[in-house]
Amino acid sequence: LISTEEEVTPVVLAAMERTTDPRLKVLMASAVRHLHGFIRETRPTEEEFEAAMRWIAALGHHTDTSNNEVVLAADVLGASTLIDLINNNGMQGETLSALLGPFYRGQAPACANGDCIAR
C-alpha cells in the first residue's frame, strides 16, 4: 500500500525492473524519475493534471497518416532540436535544427493572421 508521495517512485521503478531491453529500462526509469520530480516540483491540481492528459490524448486523436501532432508537439517543446543536437554535430554536412518551426521559409512574404500560406 502506497501512503506517501515519496513511496510512489520506488514502487514504479521496482515494477520496471522486469524490463528486458536494457536501454528501454534506462530510458523509462529516467523518464519516471524526471516526471515524478516535475510533478512534485509543480504540484499540479487534479484538474490541471486532467487538462494535461486531455492535451496528450488530443495529440493522438488529431494524428493520422498525413498529420503527426506528436511530432509537432515535440518540435514546439524543443525536444526534436535537443535530439538532433545530441546526435548530430553538423560535421557531415547536415543542416542542424533550429526552433523556427515546421512552416519556416527564409524571405517569406508577410501574411496577416488567417491568410493562406500555400503558394
PDB file of N, CA and C in Angstrom:
ATOM      1  N   LEU A   1       0.847  -1.180   0.000  1.00  0.00           N
ATOM      2  CA  LEU A   1       0.000   0.000   0.000  1.00  0.00           C
ATOM      3  C   LEU A   1       0.890   1.240   0.000  1.00  0.00           C
ATOM      4  N   ILE A   2       0.647   2.138  -0.943  1.00  0.00           N
ATOM      5  CA  ILE A   2       1.407   3.389  -1.032  1.00  0.00           C
ATOM      6  C   ILE A   2       0.630   4.446  -0.255  1.00  0.00           C
ATOM      7  N   SER A   3       1.293   5.061   0.743  1.00  0.00           N
ATOM      8  CA  SER A   3       0.590   6.053   1.560  1.00  0.00           C
ATOM      9  C   SER A   3       1.252   7.426   1.555  1.00  0.00           C
ATOM     10  N   THR A   4       2.475   7.544   0.984  1.00  0.00           N
ATOM     11  CA  THR A   4       3.128   8.854   0.896  1.00  0.00           C
ATOM     12  C   THR A   4       3.638   9.054  -0.526  1.00  0.00           C
ATOM     13  N   GLU A   5       3.811  10.307  -0.889  1.00  0.00           N
ATOM     14  CA  GLU A   5       4.283  10.585  -2.253  1.00  0.00           C
ATOM     15  C   GLU A   5       5.708  10.095  -2.473  1.00  0.00           C
ATOM     16  N   GLU A   6       6.506  10.002  -1.427  1.00  0.00           N
ATOM     17  CA  GLU A   6       7.879   9.512  -1.559  1.00  0.00           C
ATOM     18  C   GLU A   6       7.936   8.030  -1.907  1.00  0.00           C
ATOM     19  N   GLU A   7       6.871   7.299  -1.634  1.00  0.00           N
ATOM     20  CA  GLU A   7       6.855   5.856  -1.888  1.00  0.00           C
ATOM     21  C   GLU A   7       6.515   5.504  -3.344  1.00  0.00           C
ATOM     22  N   VAL A   8       5.959   6.443  -4.078  1.00  0.00           N
ATOM     23  CA  VAL A   8       5.469   6.136  -5.428  1.00  0.00           C
ATOM     24  C   VAL A   8       6.607   5.776  -6.378  1.00  0.00           C
ATOM     25  N   THR A   9       7.609   6.618  -6.483  1.00  0.00           N
ATOM     26  CA  THR A   9       8.683   6.419  -7.460  1.00  0.00           C
ATOM     27  C   THR A   9       9.409   5.086  -7.266  1.00  0.00           C
ATOM     28  N   PRO A  10       9.827   4.728  -6.064  1.00  0.00           N
ATOM     29  CA  PRO A  10      10.497   3.430  -5.902  1.00  0.00           C
ATOM     30  C   PRO A  10       9.617   2.241  -6.297  1.00  0.00           C
ATOM     31  N   VAL A  11       8.321   2.319  -6.033  1.00  0.00           N
ATOM     32  CA  VAL A  11       7.420   1.221  -6.392  1.00  0.00           C
ATOM     33  C   VAL A  11       7.347   1.086  -7.916  1.00  0.00           C
ATOM     34  N   VAL A  12       7.216   2.210  -8.611  1.00  0.00           N
ATOM     35  CA  VAL A  12       7.147   2.172 -10.080  1.00  0.00           C
ATOM     36  C   VAL A  12       8.473   1.658 -10.649  1.00  0.00           C
ATOM     37  N   LEU A  13       9.579   2.156 -10.137  1.00  0.00           N
ATOM     38  CA  LEU A  13      10.890   1.704 -10.628  1.00  0.00           C
ATOM     39  C   LEU A  13      11.098   0.216 -10.365  1.00  0.00           C
ATOM     40  N   ALA A  14      10.649  -0.267  -9.231  1.00  0.00           N
ATOM     41  CA  ALA A  14      10.773  -1.699  -8.930  1.00  0.00           C
ATOM     42  C   ALA A  14       9.958  -2.526  -9.921  1.00  0.00           C
ATOM     43  N   ALA A  15       8.766  -2.059 -10.276  1.00  0.00           N
ATOM     44  CA  ALA A  15       7.940  -2.778 -11.246  1.00  0.00           C
ATOM     45  C   ALA A  15       8.609  -2.808 -12.613  1.00  0.00           C
ATOM     46  N   MET A  16       9.373  -1.776 -12.936  1.00  0.00           N
ATOM     47  CA  MET A  16      10.039  -1.697 -14.236  1.00  0.00           C
ATOM     48  C   MET A  16      11.307  -2.542 -14.297  1.00  0.00           C
ATOM     49  N   GLU A  17      11.756  -3.075 -13.185  1.00  0.00           N
ATOM     50  CA  GLU A  17      12.965  -3.903 -13.159  1.00  0.00           C
ATOM     51  C   GLU A  17      12.846  -5.108 -14.079  1.00  0.00           C
ATOM     52  N   ARG A  18      11.639  -5.546 -14.372  1.00  0.00           N
ATOM     53  CA  ARG A  18      11.432  -6.711 -15.240  1.00  0.00           C
ATOM     54  C   ARG A  18      11.607  -6.386 -16.726  1.00  0.00           C
ATOM     55  N   THR A  19      11.811  -5.118 -17.060  1.00  0.00           N
ATOM     56  CA  THR A  19      12.008  -4.722 -18.459  1.00  0.00           C
ATOM     57  C   THR A  19      13.244  -5.416 -19.001  1.00  0.00           C
ATOM     58  N   THR A  20      13.083  -6.124 -20.119  1.00  0.00           N
ATOM     59  CA  THR A  20      14.195  -6.930 -20.639  1.00  0.00           C
ATOM     60  C   THR A  20      15.153  -6.146 -21.531  1.00  0.00           C
ATOM     61  N   ASP A  21      14.691  -5.103 -22.193  1.00  0.00           N
ATOM     62  CA  ASP A  21      15.561  -4.298 -23.052  1.00  0.00           C
ATOM     63  C   ASP A  21      16.347  -3.327 -22.156  1.00  0.00           C
ATOM     64  N   PRO A  22      17.673  -3.480 -22.081  1.00  0.00           N
ATOM     65  CA  PRO A  22      18.456  -2.656 -21.147  1.00  0.00           C
ATOM     66  C   PRO A  22      18.341  -1.156 -21.407  1.00  0.00           C
ATOM     67  N   ARG A  23      18.358  -0.748 -22.675  1.00  0.00           N
ATOM     68  CA  ARG A  23      18.290   0.687 -22.980  1.00  0.00           C
ATOM     69  C   ARG A  23      16.899   1.235 -22.656  1.00  0.00           C
ATOM     70  N   LEU A  24      15.848   0.495 -22.996  1.00  0.00           N
ATOM     71  CA  LEU A  24      14.492   0.917 -22.661  1.00  0.00           C
ATOM     72  C   LEU A  24      14.348   1.064 -21.155  1.00  0.00           C
ATOM     73  N   LYS A  25      14.948   0.146 -20.417  1.00  0.00           N
ATOM     74  CA  LYS A  25      14.889   0.188 -18.955  1.00  0.00           C
ATOM     75  C   LYS A  25      15.519   1.481 -18.428  1.00  0.00           C
ATOM     76  N   VAL A  26      16.677   1.857 -18.962  1.00  0.00           N
ATOM     77  CA  VAL A  26      17.356   3.095 -18.549  1.00  0.00           C
ATOM     78  C   VAL A  26      16.506   4.312 -18.902  1.00  0.00           C
ATOM     79  N   LEU A  27      16.014   4.345 -20.137  1.00  0.00           N
ATOM     80  CA  LEU A  27      15.232   5.496 -20.591  1.00  0.00           C
ATOM     81  C   LEU A  27      13.950   5.667 -19.779  1.00  0.00           C
ATOM     82  N   MET A  28      13.226   4.585 -19.571  1.00  0.00           N
ATOM     83  CA  MET A  28      11.955   4.673 -18.860  1.00  0.00           C
ATOM     84  C   MET A  28      12.150   4.985 -17.382  1.00  0.00           C
ATOM     85  N   ALA A  29      13.185   4.427 -16.764  1.00  0.00           N
ATOM     86  CA  ALA A  29      13.451   4.734 -15.360  1.00  0.00           C
ATOM     87  C   ALA A  29      13.775   6.217 -15.192  1.00  0.00           C
ATOM     88  N   SER A  30      14.567   6.758 -16.103  1.00  0.00           N
ATOM     89  CA  SER A  30      14.888   8.177 -16.051  1.00  0.00           C
ATOM     90  C   SER A  30      13.635   9.017 -16.294  1.00  0.00           C
ATOM     91  N   ALA A  31      12.816   8.613 -17.263  1.00  0.00           N
ATOM     92  CA  ALA A  31      11.576   9.347 -17.546  1.00  0.00           C
ATOM     93  C   ALA A  31      10.674   9.373 -16.315  1.00  0.00           C
ATOM     94  N   VAL A  32      10.557   8.251 -15.634  1.00  0.00           N
ATOM     95  CA  VAL A  32       9.721   8.182 -14.428  1.00  0.00           C
ATOM     96  C   VAL A  32      10.278   9.103 -13.347  1.00  0.00           C
ATOM     97  N   ARG A  33      11.588   9.024 -13.100  1.00  0.00           N
ATOM     98  CA  ARG A  33      12.181   9.881 -12.058  1.00  0.00           C
ATOM     99  C   ARG A  33      11.976  11.364 -12.370  1.00  0.00           C
ATOM    100  N   HIS A  34      12.187  11.752 -13.625  1.00  0.00           N
ATOM    101  CA  HIS A  34      12.030  13.161 -14.000  1.00  0.00           C
ATOM    102  C   HIS A  34      10.564  13.591 -13.965  1.00  0.00           C
ATOM    103  N   LEU A  35       9.667  12.739 -14.452  1.00  0.00           N
ATOM    104  CA  LEU A  35       8.244  13.070 -14.417  1.00  0.00           C
ATOM    105  C   LEU A  35       7.765  13.220 -12.980  1.00  0.00           C
ATOM    106  N   HIS A  36       8.133  12.294 -12.128  1.00  0.00           N
ATOM    107  CA  HIS A  36       7.718  12.378 -10.723  1.00  0.00           C
ATOM    108  C   HIS A  36       8.319  13.615 -10.063  1.00  0.00           C
ATOM    109  N   GLY A  37       9.577  13.943 -10.404  1.00  0.00           N
ATOM    110  CA  GLY A  37      10.206  15.156  -9.879  1.00  0.00           C
ATOM    111  C   GLY A  37       9.484  16.411 -10.340  1.00  0.00           C
ATOM    112  N   PHE A  38       9.100  16.439 -11.623  1.00  0.00           N
ATOM    113  CA  PHE A  38       8.350  17.574 -12.165  1.00  0.00           C
ATOM    114  C   PHE A  38       7.019  17.743 -11.425  1.00  0.00           C
ATOM    115  N   ILE A  39       6.325  16.635 -11.210  1.00  0.00           N
ATOM    116  CA  ILE A  39       5.033  16.691 -10.520  1.00  0.00           C
ATOM    117  C   ILE A  39       5.216  17.177  -9.084  1.00  0.00           C
ATOM    118  N   ARG A  40       6.239  16.683  -8.394  1.00  0.00           N
ATOM    119  CA  ARG A  40       6.479  17.141  -7.023  1.00  0.00           C
ATOM    120  C   ARG A  40       6.857  18.620  -6.988  1.00  0.00           C
ATOM    121  N   GLU A  41       7.633  19.056  -7.986  1.00  0.00           N
ATOM    122  CA  GLU A  41       8.056  20.460  -8.031  1.00  0.00           C
ATOM    123  C   GLU A  41       6.885  21.396  -8.311  1.00  0.00           C
ATOM    124  N   THR A  42       6.052  21.051  -9.290  1.00  0.00           N
ATOM    125  CA  THR A  42       4.988  21.959  -9.725  1.00  0.00           C
ATOM    126  C   THR A  42       3.669  21.746  -9.001  1.00  0.00           C
ATOM    127  N   ARG A  43       3.471  20.567  -8.403  1.00  0.00           N
ATOM    128  CA  ARG A  43       2.297  20.243  -7.601  1.00  0.00           C
ATOM    129  C   ARG A  43       0.985  20.605  -8.302  1.00  0.00           C
ATOM    130  N   PRO A  44       0.747  20.042  -9.500  1.00  0.00           N
ATOM    131  CA  PRO A  44      -0.490  20.369 -10.225  1.00  0.00           C
ATOM    132  C   PRO A  44      -1.725  19.881  -9.469  1.00  0.00           C
ATOM    133  N   THR A  45      -2.823  20.586  -9.688  1.00  0.00           N
ATOM    134  CA  THR A  45      -4.097  20.133  -9.132  1.00  0.00           C
ATOM    135  C   THR A  45      -4.593  18.963  -9.966  1.00  0.00           C
ATOM    136  N   GLU A  46      -5.597  18.261  -9.464  1.00  0.00           N
ATOM    137  CA  GLU A  46      -6.182  17.167 -10.236  1.00  0.00           C
ATOM    138  C   GLU A  46      -6.787  17.701 -11.530  1.00  0.00           C
ATOM    139  N   GLU A  47      -7.368  18.891 -11.497  1.00  0.00           N
ATOM    140  CA  GLU A  47      -7.946  19.493 -12.707  1.00  0.00           C
ATOM    141  C   GLU A  47      -6.860  19.817 -13.725  1.00  0.00           C
ATOM    142  N   GLU A  48      -5.722  20.333 -13.268  1.00  0.00           N
ATOM    143  CA  GLU A  48      -4.606  20.627 -14.175  1.00  0.00           C
ATOM    144  C   GLU A  48      -4.052  19.346 -14.778  1.00  0.00           C
ATOM    145  N   PHE A  49      -3.957  18.298 -13.974  1.00  0.00           N
ATOM    146  CA  PHE A  49      -3.482  17.012 -14.473  1.00  0.00           C
ATOM    147  C   PHE A  49      -4.435  16.468 -15.528  1.00  0.00           C
ATOM    148  N   GLU A  50      -5.733  16.549 -15.278  1.00  0.00           N
ATOM    149  CA  GLU A  50      -6.723  16.085 -16.255  1.00  0.00           C
ATOM    150  C   GLU A  50      -6.619  16.883 -17.554  1.00  0.00           C
ATOM    151  N   ALA A  51      -6.407  18.185 -17.451  1.00  0.00           N
ATOM    152  CA  ALA A  51      -6.245  19.023 -18.650  1.00  0.00           C
ATOM    153  C   ALA A  51      -5.013  18.592 -19.436  1.00  0.00           C
ATOM    154  N   ALA A  52      -3.934  18.281 -18.738  1.00  0.00           N
ATOM    155  CA  ALA A  52      -2.716  17.811 -19.411  1.00  0.00           C
ATOM    156  C   ALA A  52      -2.962  16.476 -20.108  1.00  0.00           C
ATOM    157  N   MET A  53      -3.683  15.584 -19.464  1.00  0.00           N
ATOM    158  CA  MET A  53      -3.991  14.287 -20.073  1.00  0.00           C
ATOM    159  C   MET A  53      -4.895  14.462 -21.299  1.00  0.00           C
ATOM    160  N   ARG A  54      -5.838  15.403 -21.242  1.00  0.00           N
ATOM    161  CA  ARG A  54      -6.681  15.683 -22.420  1.00  0.00           C
ATOM    162  C   ARG A  54      -5.839  16.224 -23.568  1.00  0.00           C
ATOM    163  N   TRP A  55      -4.852  17.076 -23.252  1.00  0.00           N
ATOM    164  CA  TRP A  55      -3.973  17.628 -24.288  1.00  0.00           C
ATOM    165  C   TRP A  55      -3.181  16.510 -24.954  1.00  0.00           C
ATOM    166  N   ILE A  56      -2.627  15.602 -24.155  1.00  0.00           N
ATOM    167  CA  ILE A  56      -1.872  14.471 -24.712  1.00  0.00           C
ATOM    168  C   ILE A  56      -2.778  13.581 -25.554  1.00  0.00           C
ATOM    169  N   ALA A  57      -3.982  13.295 -25.052  1.00  0.00           N
ATOM    170  CA  ALA A  57      -4.924  12.465 -25.812  1.00  0.00           C
ATOM    171  C   ALA A  57      -5.300  13.141 -27.124  1.00  0.00           C
ATOM    172  N   ALA A  58      -5.458  14.462 -27.097  1.00  0.00           N
ATOM    173  CA  ALA A  58      -5.817  15.197 -28.316  1.00  0.00           C
ATOM    174  C   ALA A  58      -4.736  15.071 -29.380  1.00  0.00           C
ATOM    175  N   LEU A  59      -3.471  14.997 -28.960  1.00  0.00           N
ATOM    176  CA  LEU A  59      -2.389  14.797 -29.933  1.00  0.00           C
ATOM    177  C   LEU A  59      -2.634  13.517 -30.726  1.00  0.00           C
ATOM    178  N   GLY A  60      -2.997  12.458 -30.025  1.00  0.00           N
ATOM    179  CA  GLY A  60      -3.276  11.188 -30.689  1.00  0.00           C
ATOM    180  C   GLY A  60      -4.510  11.248 -31.558  1.00  0.00           C
ATOM    181  N   HIS A  61      -5.547  11.909 -31.067  1.00  0.00           N
ATOM    182  CA  HIS A  61      -6.796  11.989 -31.833  1.00  0.00           C
ATOM    183  C   HIS A  61      -6.637  12.786 -33.124  1.00  0.00           C
ATOM    184  N   HIS A  62      -5.709  13.754 -33.122  1.00  0.00           N
ATOM    185  CA  HIS A  62      -5.519  14.601 -34.304  1.00  0.00           C
ATOM    186  C   HIS A  62      -4.366  14.120 -35.181  1.00  0.00           C
ATOM    187  N   THR A  63      -3.822  12.952 -34.882  1.00  0.00           N
ATOM    188  CA  THR A  63      -2.734  12.387 -35.676  1.00  0.00           C
ATOM    189  C   THR A  63      -3.305  11.349 -36.631  1.00  0.00           C
ATOM    190  N   ASP A  64      -2.887  11.433 -37.890  1.00  0.00           N
ATOM    191  CA  ASP A  64      -3.292  10.439 -38.886  1.00  0.00           C
ATOM    192  C   ASP A  64      -2.132  10.224 -39.847  1.00  0.00           C
ATOM    193  N   THR A  65      -2.359   9.556 -40.955  1.00  0.00           N
ATOM    194  CA  THR A  65      -1.263   9.215 -41.867  1.00  0.00           C
ATOM    195  C   THR A  65      -0.611  10.432 -42.510  1.00  0.00           C
ATOM    196  N   SER A  66      -1.303  11.569 -42.549  1.00  0.00           N
ATOM    197  CA  SER A  66      -0.718  12.750 -43.188  1.00  0.00           C
ATOM    198  C   SER A  66      -0.403  13.868 -42.205  1.00  0.00           C
ATOM    199  N   ASN A  67      -0.686  13.682 -40.926  1.00  0.00           N
ATOM    200  CA  ASN A  67      -0.537  14.759 -39.957  1.00  0.00           C
ATOM    201  C   ASN A  67      -0.143  14.147 -38.610  1.00  0.00           C
ATOM    202  N   ASN A  68       1.063  14.454 -38.123  1.00  0.00           N
ATOM    203  CA  ASN A  68       1.515  13.889 -36.854  1.00  0.00           C
ATOM    204  C   ASN A  68       1.666  14.998 -35.823  1.00  0.00           C
ATOM    205  N   GLU A  69       0.645  15.174 -34.994  1.00  0.00           N
ATOM    206  CA  GLU A  69       0.650  16.219 -33.979  1.00  0.00           C
ATOM    207  C   GLU A  69       1.683  15.956 -32.886  1.00  0.00           C
ATOM    208  N   VAL A  70       2.031  14.692 -32.641  1.00  0.00           N
ATOM    209  CA  VAL A  70       3.029  14.371 -31.630  1.00  0.00           C
ATOM    210  C   VAL A  70       4.391  14.926 -32.055  1.00  0.00           C
ATOM    211  N   VAL A  71       4.720  14.796 -33.329  1.00  0.00           N
ATOM    212  CA  VAL A  71       5.975  15.345 -33.843  1.00  0.00           C
ATOM    213  C   VAL A  71       5.971  16.865 -33.715  1.00  0.00           C
ATOM    214  N   LEU A  72       4.854  17.497 -34.046  1.00  0.00           N
ATOM    215  CA  LEU A  72       4.771  18.952 -33.917  1.00  0.00           C
ATOM    216  C   LEU A  72       4.905  19.383 -32.463  1.00  0.00           C
ATOM    217  N   ALA A  73       4.301  18.634 -31.535  1.00  0.00           N
ATOM    218  CA  ALA A  73       4.431  18.953 -30.113  1.00  0.00           C
ATOM    219  C   ALA A  73       5.888  18.813 -29.675  1.00  0.00           C
ATOM    220  N   ALA A  74       6.566  17.777 -30.149  1.00  0.00           N
ATOM    221  CA  ALA A  74       7.988  17.601 -29.815  1.00  0.00           C
ATOM    222  C   ALA A  74       8.803  18.781 -30.336  1.00  0.00           C
ATOM    223  N   ASP A  75       8.445  19.284 -31.513  1.00  0.00           N
ATOM    224  CA  ASP A  75       9.126  20.459 -32.070  1.00  0.00           C
ATOM    225  C   ASP A  75       8.880  21.692 -31.197  1.00  0.00           C
ATOM    226  N   VAL A  76       7.627  21.935 -30.852  1.00  0.00           N
ATOM    227  CA  VAL A  76       7.258  23.108 -30.056  1.00  0.00           C
ATOM    228  C   VAL A  76       7.947  23.087 -28.693  1.00  0.00           C
ATOM    229  N   LEU A  77       8.075  21.905 -28.101  1.00  0.00           N
ATOM    230  CA  LEU A  77       8.701  21.763 -26.786  1.00  0.00           C
ATOM    231  C   LEU A  77      10.227  21.746 -26.853  1.00  0.00           C
ATOM    232  N   GLY A  78      10.794  21.794 -28.060  1.00  0.00           N
ATOM    233  CA  GLY A  78      12.244  21.810 -28.219  1.00  0.00           C
ATOM    234  C   GLY A  78      12.892  20.440 -28.142  1.00  0.00           C
ATOM    235  N   ALA A  79      12.096  19.382 -27.975  1.00  0.00           N
ATOM    236  CA  ALA A  79      12.662  18.038 -27.851  1.00  0.00           C
ATOM    237  C   ALA A  79      13.357  17.604 -29.132  1.00  0.00           C
ATOM    238  N   SER A  80      12.755  17.880 -30.278  1.00  0.00           N
ATOM    239  CA  SER A  80      13.355  17.482 -31.558  1.00  0.00           C
ATOM    240  C   SER A  80      14.707  18.157 -31.761  1.00  0.00           C
ATOM    241  N   THR A  81      14.809  19.423 -31.387  1.00  0.00           N
ATOM    242  CA  THR A  81      16.073  20.140 -31.529  1.00  0.00           C
ATOM    243  C   THR A  81      17.140  19.533 -30.633  1.00  0.00           C
ATOM    244  N   LEU A  82      16.782  19.219 -29.380  1.00  0.00           N
ATOM    245  CA  LEU A  82      17.748  18.599 -28.470  1.00  0.00           C
ATOM    246  C   LEU A  82      18.232  17.253 -28.998  1.00  0.00           C
ATOM    247  N   ILE A  83      17.308  16.425 -29.476  1.00  0.00           N
ATOM    248  CA  ILE A  83      17.680  15.114 -30.018  1.00  0.00           C
ATOM    249  C   ILE A  83      18.636  15.285 -31.188  1.00  0.00           C
ATOM    250  N   ASP A  84      18.318  16.236 -32.074  1.00  0.00           N
ATOM    251  CA  ASP A  84      19.169  16.468 -33.244  1.00  0.00           C
ATOM    252  C   ASP A  84      20.551  16.947 -32.827  1.00  0.00           C
ATOM    253  N   LEU A  85      20.626  17.896 -31.893  1.00  0.00           N
ATOM    254  CA  LEU A  85      21.920  18.422 -31.472  1.00  0.00           C
ATOM    255  C   LEU A  85      22.748  17.385 -30.719  1.00  0.00           C
ATOM    256  N   ILE A  86      22.084  16.502 -29.972  1.00  0.00           N
ATOM    257  CA  ILE A  86      22.796  15.429 -29.265  1.00  0.00           C
ATOM    258  C   ILE A  86      23.389  14.431 -30.257  1.00  0.00           C
ATOM    259  N   ASN A  87      22.672  14.173 -31.338  1.00  0.00           N
ATOM    260  CA  ASN A  87      23.071  13.106 -32.265  1.00  0.00           C
ATOM    261  C   ASN A  87      23.780  13.581 -33.523  1.00  0.00           C
ATOM    262  N   ASN A  88      23.814  14.870 -33.779  1.00  0.00           N
ATOM    263  CA  ASN A  88      24.431  15.399 -34.999  1.00  0.00           C
ATOM    264  C   ASN A  88      25.221  16.651 -34.665  1.00  0.00           C
ATOM    265  N   ASN A  89      26.447  16.711 -35.135  1.00  0.00           N
ATOM    266  CA  ASN A  89      27.275  17.875 -34.842  1.00  0.00           C
ATOM    267  C   ASN A  89      27.478  18.781 -36.055  1.00  0.00           C
ATOM    268  N   GLY A  90      26.841  18.457 -37.186  1.00  0.00           N
ATOM    269  CA  GLY A  90      26.973  19.282 -38.379  1.00  0.00           C
ATOM    270  C   GLY A  90      28.224  19.013 -39.193  1.00  0.00           C
ATOM    271  N   MET A  91      29.070  18.118 -38.723  1.00  0.00           N
ATOM    272  CA  MET A  91      30.337  17.876 -39.401  1.00  0.00           C
ATOM    273  C   MET A  91      30.201  16.998 -40.642  1.00  0.00           C
ATOM    274  N   GLN A  92      29.034  16.395 -40.837  1.00  0.00           N
ATOM    275  CA  GLN A  92      28.820  15.575 -42.036  1.00  0.00           C
ATOM    276  C   GLN A  92      28.036  16.355 -43.095  1.00  0.00           C
ATOM    277  N   GLY A  93      27.885  17.657 -42.899  1.00  0.00           N
ATOM    278  CA  GLY A  93      27.210  18.496 -43.876  1.00  0.00           C
ATOM    279  C   GLY A  93      25.707  18.633 -43.662  1.00  0.00           C
ATOM    280  N   GLU A  94      25.179  17.994 -42.619  1.00  0.00           N
ATOM    281  CA  GLU A  94      23.735  18.106 -42.382  1.00  0.00           C
ATOM    282  C   GLU A  94      23.384  19.495 -41.850  1.00  0.00           C
ATOM    283  N   THR A  95      22.159  19.897 -42.070  1.00  0.00           N
ATOM    284  CA  THR A  95      21.657  21.152 -41.532  1.00  0.00           C
ATOM    285  C   THR A  95      21.183  20.892 -40.114  1.00  0.00           C
ATOM    286  N   LEU A  96      21.678  21.664 -39.163  1.00  0.00           N
ATOM    287  CA  LEU A  96      21.286  21.483 -37.773  1.00  0.00           C
ATOM    288  C   LEU A  96      19.897  22.072 -37.533  1.00  0.00           C
ATOM    289  N   SER A  97      19.251  21.568 -36.515  1.00  0.00           N
ATOM    290  CA  SER A  97      17.911  22.025 -36.160  1.00  0.00           C
ATOM    291  C   SER A  97      17.915  23.486 -35.741  1.00  0.00           C
ATOM    292  N   ALA A  98      16.759  24.079 -35.898  1.00  0.00           N
ATOM    293  CA  ALA A  98      16.520  25.428 -35.407  1.00  0.00           C
ATOM    294  C   ALA A  98      15.083  25.479 -34.915  1.00  0.00           C
ATOM    295  N   LEU A  99      14.816  26.342 -33.998  1.00  0.00           N
ATOM    296  CA  LEU A  99      13.463  26.455 -33.454  1.00  0.00           C
ATOM    297  C   LEU A  99      12.624  27.426 -34.280  1.00  0.00           C
ATOM    298  N   LEU A 100      12.717  27.319 -35.576  1.00  0.00           N
ATOM    299  CA  LEU A 100      11.990  28.226 -36.460  1.00  0.00           C
ATOM    300  C   LEU A 100      10.611  27.702 -36.815  1.00  0.00           C
ATOM    301  N   GLY A 101      10.336  26.454 -36.557  1.00  0.00           N
ATOM    302  CA  GLY A 101       9.008  25.901 -36.802  1.00  0.00           C
ATOM    303  C   GLY A 101       8.914  25.158 -38.112  1.00  0.00           C
ATOM    304  N   PRO A 102       7.876  24.327 -38.237  1.00  0.00           N
ATOM    305  CA  PRO A 102       7.747  23.466 -39.413  1.00  0.00           C
ATOM    306  C   PRO A 102       7.372  24.214 -40.687  1.00  0.00           C
ATOM    307  N   PHE A 103       6.909  25.454 -40.553  1.00  0.00           N
ATOM    308  CA  PHE A 103       6.490  26.204 -41.735  1.00  0.00           C
ATOM    309  C   PHE A 103       7.444  27.352 -42.062  1.00  0.00           C
ATOM    310  N   TYR A 104       8.632  27.360 -41.459  1.00  0.00           N
ATOM    311  CA  TYR A 104       9.595  28.425 -41.706  1.00  0.00           C
ATOM    312  C   TYR A 104      10.080  28.394 -43.144  1.00  0.00           C
ATOM    313  N   ARG A 105      10.168  29.576 -43.744  1.00  0.00           N
ATOM    314  CA  ARG A 105      10.754  29.725 -45.073  1.00  0.00           C
ATOM    315  C   ARG A 105      11.459  31.065 -45.088  1.00  0.00           C
ATOM    316  N   GLY A 106      12.754  31.057 -45.342  1.00  0.00           N
ATOM    317  CA  GLY A 106      13.507  32.295 -45.404  1.00  0.00           C
ATOM    318  C   GLY A 106      12.927  33.229 -46.462  1.00  0.00           C
ATOM    319  N   GLN A 107      12.927  34.524 -46.194  1.00  0.00           N
ATOM    320  CA  GLN A 107      12.433  35.547 -47.114  1.00  0.00           C
ATOM    321  C   GLN A 107      10.958  35.352 -47.464  1.00  0.00           C
ATOM    322  N   ALA A 108      10.194  34.730 -46.591  1.00  0.00           N
ATOM    323  CA  ALA A 108       8.767  34.505 -46.861  1.00  0.00           C
ATOM    324  C   ALA A 108       8.032  35.847 -46.870  1.00  0.00           C
ATOM    325  N   PRO A 109       7.044  35.981 -47.749  1.00  0.00           N
ATOM    326  CA  PRO A 109       6.264  37.224 -47.754  1.00  0.00           C
ATOM    327  C   PRO A 109       5.453  37.345 -46.463  1.00  0.00           C
ATOM    328  N   ALA A 110       5.244  38.562 -46.026  1.00  0.00           N
ATOM    329  CA  ALA A 110       4.444  38.794 -44.815  1.00  0.00           C
ATOM    330  C   ALA A 110       3.003  38.393 -45.067  1.00  0.00           C
ATOM    331  N   CYS A 111       2.399  37.741 -44.093  1.00  0.00           N
ATOM    332  CA  CYS A 111       0.994  37.332 -44.176  1.00  0.00           C
ATOM    333  C   CYS A 111       0.269  37.798 -42.925  1.00  0.00           C
ATOM    334  N   ALA A 112      -0.950  38.195 -43.087  1.00  0.00           N
ATOM    335  CA  ALA A 112      -1.775  38.568 -41.934  1.00  0.00           C
ATOM    336  C   ALA A 112      -2.330  37.286 -41.315  1.00  0.00           C
ATOM    337  N   ASN A 113      -2.735  37.375 -40.049  1.00  0.00           N
ATOM    338  CA  ASN A 113      -3.362  36.216 -39.413  1.00  0.00           C
ATOM    339  C   ASN A 113      -4.552  35.749 -40.237  1.00  0.00           C
ATOM    340  N   GLY A 114      -4.604  34.452 -40.490  1.00  0.00           N
ATOM    341  CA  GLY A 114      -5.708  33.886 -41.261  1.00  0.00           C
ATOM    342  C   GLY A 114      -5.438  33.781 -42.739  1.00  0.00           C
ATOM    343  N   ASP A 115      -4.380  34.434 -43.260  1.00  0.00           N
ATOM    344  CA  ASP A 115      -4.046  34.324 -44.681  1.00  0.00           C
ATOM    345  C   ASP A 115      -3.573  32.907 -44.999  1.00  0.00           C
ATOM    346  N   CYS A 116      -3.814  32.494 -46.233  1.00  0.00           N
ATOM    347  CA  CYS A 116      -3.314  31.193 -46.701  1.00  0.00           C
ATOM    348  C   CYS A 116      -1.816  31.311 -46.938  1.00  0.00           C
ATOM    349  N   ILE A 117      -1.034  30.347 -46.425  1.00  0.00           N
ATOM    350  CA  ILE A 117       0.414  30.381 -46.625  1.00  0.00           C
ATOM    351  C   ILE A 117       0.855  29.471 -47.765  1.00  0.00           C
ATOM    352  N   ALA A 118      -0.086  28.780 -48.399  1.00  0.00           N
ATOM    353  CA  ALA A 118       0.255  27.918 -49.535  1.00  0.00           C
ATOM    354  C   ALA A 118       0.522  28.785 -50.748  1.00  0.00           C
ATOM    355  N   ARG A 119       1.629  28.577 -51.388  1.00  0.00           N
ATOM    356  CA  ARG A 119       1.976  29.348 -52.589  1.00  0.00           C
ATOM    357  C   ARG A 119       2.298  28.381 -53.712  1.00  0.00           C
TER     358      ARG A 119
END
